[in-house]
Amino acid sequence: MLKINPHLQPWQEIVGILRSITEENEELKVIVGKYVLYLPLYLKKELRKHIGKRIGILRTDIPGKEYLIAEGIK
């Protein structure tokens, strides 16, 4: 069963295999592991290259770096 976490809060992280990316209501609907979350559309290009891989998505409060995406997270 998927857990819906609509939006990450600052310094919240989701880790898992990036399963899918779709556009929905001017946001990206992203399934990472067992979580469904919504991210800004500008992350689409960055996320596409990670489909099928284990990633971490960290929301920050750093201007210009609100989302950090890393591959190979354990």
C-alpha atoms as a PDB file:
ATOM      1  CA  MET A   1       0.000   0.000   0.000  1.00  0.00           C
ATOM      2  CA  LEU A   2       1.312   3.441  -0.942  1.00  0.00           C
ATOM      3  CA  LYS A   3       1.568   6.180   1.675  1.00  0.00           C
ATOM      4  CA  ILE A   4       0.662   9.644   0.470  1.00  0.00           C
ATOM      5  CA  ASN A   5       2.927  12.436   1.672  1.00  0.00           C
ATOM      6  CA  PRO A   6       1.672  15.365  -0.420  1.00  0.00           C
ATOM      7  CA  HIS A   7       4.561  17.758   0.160  1.00  0.00           C
ATOM      8  CA  LEU A   8       7.861  17.444   1.962  1.00  0.00           C
ATOM      9  CA  GLN A   9       8.511  19.874   4.802  1.00  0.00           C
ATOM     10  CA  PRO A  10      11.915  21.555   5.186  1.00  0.00           C
ATOM     11  CA  TRP A  11      14.560  19.008   6.200  1.00  0.00           C
ATOM     12  CA  GLN A  12      12.273  16.063   5.518  1.00  0.00           C
ATOM     13  CA  GLU A  13      13.665  13.293   3.290  1.00  0.00           C
ATOM     14  CA  ILE A  14      12.188  10.421   1.303  1.00  0.00           C
ATOM     15  CA  VAL A  15      14.428   7.486   0.328  1.00  0.00           C
ATOM     16  CA  GLY A  16      13.557   4.605  -1.995  1.00  0.00           C
ATOM     17  CA  ILE A  17      13.438   3.430  -5.584  1.00  0.00           C
ATOM     18  CA  LEU A  18      12.011   6.053  -7.926  1.00  0.00           C
ATOM     19  CA  ARG A  19       9.170   4.151  -9.560  1.00  0.00           C
ATOM     20  CA  SER A  20       7.302   6.760 -11.586  1.00  0.00           C
ATOM     21  CA  ILE A  21       6.908  10.436 -12.446  1.00  0.00           C
ATOM     22  CA  THR A  22       3.696  11.908 -13.855  1.00  0.00           C
ATOM     23  CA  GLU A  23       2.335  15.425 -14.214  1.00  0.00           C
ATOM     24  CA  GLU A  24      -0.816  16.110 -12.239  1.00  0.00           C
ATOM     25  CA  ASN A  25      -2.432  19.494 -11.517  1.00  0.00           C
ATOM     26  CA  GLU A  26       0.711  21.456 -12.442  1.00  0.00           C
ATOM     27  CA  GLU A  27       2.907  19.378 -10.124  1.00  0.00           C
ATOM     28  CA  LEU A  28       4.893  16.172 -10.459  1.00  0.00           C
ATOM     29  CA  LYS A  29       3.333  13.129  -8.849  1.00  0.00           C
ATOM     30  CA  VAL A  30       6.313  11.008  -7.855  1.00  0.00           C
ATOM     31  CA  ILE A  31       6.327   7.488  -6.431  1.00  0.00           C
ATOM     32  CA  VAL A  32       9.461   6.766  -4.419  1.00  0.00           C
ATOM     33  CA  GLY A  33       9.481   3.405  -2.670  1.00  0.00           C
ATOM     34  CA  LYS A  34       6.121   3.171  -0.890  1.00  0.00           C
ATOM     35  CA  TYR A  35       5.507   6.932  -0.909  1.00  0.00           C
ATOM     36  CA  VAL A  36       3.557   9.214  -3.226  1.00  0.00           C
ATOM     37  CA  LEU A  37       4.586  12.843  -3.089  1.00  0.00           C
ATOM     38  CA  TYR A  38       4.145  15.991  -5.135  1.00  0.00           C
ATOM     39  CA  LEU A  39       7.086  18.082  -6.303  1.00  0.00           C
ATOM     40  CA  PRO A  40       7.563  21.187  -8.484  1.00  0.00           C
ATOM     41  CA  LEU A  41       7.547  20.653 -12.249  1.00  0.00           C
ATOM     42  CA  TYR A  42      11.078  22.032 -12.646  1.00  0.00           C
ATOM     43  CA  LEU A  43      12.452  18.820 -11.068  1.00  0.00           C
ATOM     44  CA  LYS A  44      11.149  16.608 -13.897  1.00  0.00           C
ATOM     45  CA  LYS A  45      14.347  16.620 -15.979  1.00  0.00           C
ATOM     46  CA  GLU A  46      16.524  15.894 -12.934  1.00  0.00           C
ATOM     47  CA  LEU A  47      14.278  13.078 -11.697  1.00  0.00           C
ATOM     48  CA  ARG A  48      13.886  11.359 -15.082  1.00  0.00           C
ATOM     49  CA  LYS A  49      17.475  10.148 -15.093  1.00  0.00           C
ATOM     50  CA  HIS A  50      16.927   8.385 -11.767  1.00  0.00           C
ATOM     51  CA  ILE A  51      13.852   6.259 -12.644  1.00  0.00           C
ATOM     52  CA  GLY A  52      14.389   2.704 -11.405  1.00  0.00           C
ATOM     53  CA  LYS A  53      17.212   3.731  -9.072  1.00  0.00           C
ATOM     54  CA  ARG A  54      17.374   4.188  -5.314  1.00  0.00           C
ATOM     55  CA  ILE A  55      17.397   7.896  -4.505  1.00  0.00           C
ATOM     56  CA  GLY A  56      16.930  10.331  -1.677  1.00  0.00           C
ATOM     57  CA  ILE A  57      14.973  13.556  -2.042  1.00  0.00           C
ATOM     58  CA  LEU A  58      15.676  16.120   0.666  1.00  0.00           C
ATOM     59  CA  ARG A  59      13.643  19.309   1.059  1.00  0.00           C
ATOM     60  CA  THR A  60      15.699  22.194   2.429  1.00  0.00           C
ATOM     61  CA  ASP A  61      15.139  25.824   3.315  1.00  0.00           C
ATOM     62  CA  ILE A  62      18.163  26.948   1.279  1.00  0.00           C
ATOM     63  CA  PRO A  63      17.164  29.538  -1.362  1.00  0.00           C
ATOM     64  CA  GLY A  64      17.808  28.146  -4.843  1.00  0.00           C
ATOM     65  CA  LYS A  65      18.392  24.617  -3.492  1.00  0.00           C
ATOM     66  CA  GLU A  66      14.986  23.764  -2.070  1.00  0.00           C
ATOM     67  CA  TYR A  67      15.273  20.118  -3.183  1.00  0.00           C
ATOM     68  CA  LEU A  68      18.416  17.997  -3.212  1.00  0.00           C
ATOM     69  CA  ILE A  69      18.362  14.681  -5.074  1.00  0.00           C
ATOM     70  CA  ALA A  70      21.009  12.038  -4.523  1.00  0.00           C
ATOM     71  CA  GLU A  71      21.407   8.579  -6.030  1.00  0.00           C
ATOM     72  CA  GLY A  72      22.814   5.537  -4.249  1.00  0.00           C
ATOM     73  CA  ILE A  73      21.396   6.361  -0.820  1.00  0.00           C
ATOM     74  CA  LYS A  74      21.528   3.390   1.569  1.00  0.00           C
END
